[in-house]
Amino acid sequence: MKIRTELVSTGGNTAGFRIPDEAVEALGGGKRPKVAVTVLNAERPEP
């Protein structure tokens, strides 16, 4: 699955990606499914 989203400042030194509920449900794994992101062609797995 591919989605396109933007990095959102959540205050202080933190940020996150806002993921549509439909995409989270499609991934399975509850509210915090394991994901990998690609930024400028560099893939980073979830820690």
N, C-alpha and C. Protein backbone atom coordinates (compact mmCIF):
# COMPACT_ATOMS: atom_id res chain seq x y z
N MET A 1 0.84 -1.16 0.00
CA MET A 1 0.00 0.00 0.00
C MET A 1 0.90 1.23 0.00
N LYS A 2 0.51 2.23 -0.75
CA LYS A 2 1.20 3.51 -0.74
C LYS A 2 0.19 4.60 -0.43
N ILE A 3 0.59 5.51 0.45
CA ILE A 3 -0.19 6.71 0.66
C ILE A 3 0.78 7.88 0.66
N ARG A 4 0.26 9.03 0.41
CA ARG A 4 1.09 10.24 0.43
C ARG A 4 0.53 11.14 1.52
N THR A 5 1.38 11.61 2.42
CA THR A 5 0.95 12.46 3.51
C THR A 5 2.05 13.45 3.83
N GLU A 6 1.79 14.36 4.72
CA GLU A 6 2.77 15.36 5.11
C GLU A 6 3.14 15.21 6.58
N LEU A 7 4.36 15.60 6.90
CA LEU A 7 4.82 15.61 8.27
C LEU A 7 4.16 16.79 8.98
N VAL A 8 3.58 16.53 10.16
CA VAL A 8 2.83 17.55 10.89
C VAL A 8 3.51 17.81 12.23
N SER A 9 3.77 19.07 12.56
CA SER A 9 4.32 19.43 13.86
C SER A 9 3.27 19.18 14.93
N THR A 10 3.67 18.47 16.00
CA THR A 10 2.74 18.18 17.09
C THR A 10 3.09 18.97 18.34
N GLY A 11 4.00 19.91 18.22
CA GLY A 11 4.39 20.75 19.35
C GLY A 11 5.77 20.40 19.86
N GLY A 12 6.47 21.39 20.36
CA GLY A 12 7.82 21.16 20.87
C GLY A 12 8.73 20.63 19.78
N ASN A 13 9.45 19.55 20.09
CA ASN A 13 10.38 18.94 19.15
C ASN A 13 9.80 17.70 18.50
N THR A 14 8.49 17.53 18.52
CA THR A 14 7.89 16.31 17.99
C THR A 14 7.11 16.57 16.71
N ALA A 15 6.98 15.53 15.92
CA ALA A 15 6.22 15.61 14.68
C ALA A 15 5.69 14.21 14.37
N GLY A 16 4.72 14.15 13.48
CA GLY A 16 4.17 12.86 13.10
C GLY A 16 3.44 12.96 11.78
N PHE A 17 3.02 11.81 11.28
CA PHE A 17 2.27 11.74 10.04
C PHE A 17 0.81 11.50 10.36
N ARG A 18 -0.08 12.27 9.78
CA ARG A 18 -1.52 12.05 9.95
C ARG A 18 -1.93 11.03 8.89
N ILE A 19 -2.36 9.86 9.34
CA ILE A 19 -2.74 8.77 8.44
C ILE A 19 -4.26 8.62 8.46
N PRO A 20 -4.90 8.58 7.30
CA PRO A 20 -6.36 8.42 7.28
C PRO A 20 -6.79 7.11 7.96
N ASP A 21 -7.92 7.15 8.67
CA ASP A 21 -8.43 5.97 9.37
C ASP A 21 -8.57 4.77 8.45
N GLU A 22 -9.00 5.00 7.21
CA GLU A 22 -9.19 3.89 6.26
C GLU A 22 -7.86 3.18 5.99
N ALA A 23 -6.78 3.93 5.91
CA ALA A 23 -5.46 3.34 5.66
C ALA A 23 -5.01 2.53 6.87
N VAL A 24 -5.23 3.05 8.09
CA VAL A 24 -4.85 2.32 9.30
C VAL A 24 -5.61 1.00 9.38
N GLU A 25 -6.91 1.04 9.11
CA GLU A 25 -7.72 -0.19 9.13
C GLU A 25 -7.24 -1.19 8.09
N ALA A 26 -6.89 -0.72 6.91
CA ALA A 26 -6.43 -1.60 5.84
C ALA A 26 -5.10 -2.28 6.19
N LEU A 27 -4.27 -1.62 7.00
CA LEU A 27 -2.98 -2.19 7.39
C LEU A 27 -3.13 -3.30 8.42
N GLY A 28 -4.21 -3.28 9.19
CA GLY A 28 -4.37 -4.25 10.27
C GLY A 28 -3.42 -3.91 11.41
N GLY A 29 -3.42 -4.69 12.47
CA GLY A 29 -2.49 -4.47 13.57
C GLY A 29 -2.96 -3.44 14.58
N GLY A 30 -4.24 -3.08 14.58
CA GLY A 30 -4.75 -2.14 15.57
C GLY A 30 -4.44 -0.69 15.22
N LYS A 31 -4.40 0.15 16.26
CA LYS A 31 -4.19 1.59 16.06
C LYS A 31 -2.75 1.95 15.73
N ARG A 32 -1.80 1.04 16.01
CA ARG A 32 -0.39 1.34 15.75
C ARG A 32 0.26 0.23 14.94
N PRO A 33 -0.13 0.07 13.68
CA PRO A 33 0.48 -0.98 12.86
C PRO A 33 1.94 -0.63 12.55
N LYS A 34 2.76 -1.66 12.36
CA LYS A 34 4.15 -1.42 11.98
C LYS A 34 4.19 -0.96 10.53
N VAL A 35 4.97 0.07 10.29
CA VAL A 35 5.07 0.64 8.95
C VAL A 35 6.51 0.99 8.65
N ALA A 36 6.80 1.23 7.39
CA ALA A 36 8.08 1.79 6.97
C ALA A 36 7.75 3.02 6.14
N VAL A 37 8.57 4.04 6.25
CA VAL A 37 8.34 5.25 5.47
C VAL A 37 9.53 5.50 4.56
N THR A 38 9.27 6.14 3.44
CA THR A 38 10.33 6.52 2.53
C THR A 38 10.30 8.04 2.41
N VAL A 39 11.44 8.67 2.71
CA VAL A 39 11.57 10.12 2.62
C VAL A 39 12.71 10.41 1.66
N LEU A 40 12.39 11.10 0.59
CA LEU A 40 13.40 11.42 -0.43
C LEU A 40 14.15 10.18 -0.88
N ASN A 41 13.42 9.11 -1.14
CA ASN A 41 13.96 7.84 -1.65
C ASN A 41 14.83 7.08 -0.65
N ALA A 42 14.76 7.43 0.64
CA ALA A 42 15.51 6.71 1.67
C ALA A 42 14.51 6.05 2.62
N GLU A 43 14.43 4.72 2.60
CA GLU A 43 13.44 4.01 3.42
C GLU A 43 13.92 3.89 4.86
N ARG A 44 13.00 4.11 5.79
CA ARG A 44 13.29 3.99 7.21
C ARG A 44 12.21 3.13 7.86
N PRO A 45 12.56 1.98 8.44
CA PRO A 45 11.55 1.17 9.12
C PRO A 45 11.17 1.80 10.46
N GLU A 46 10.01 1.42 10.96
CA GLU A 46 9.60 1.89 12.28
C GLU A 46 10.55 1.30 13.31
N PRO A 47 10.95 2.09 14.32
CA PRO A 47 11.88 1.55 15.35
C PRO A 47 11.24 0.49 16.20
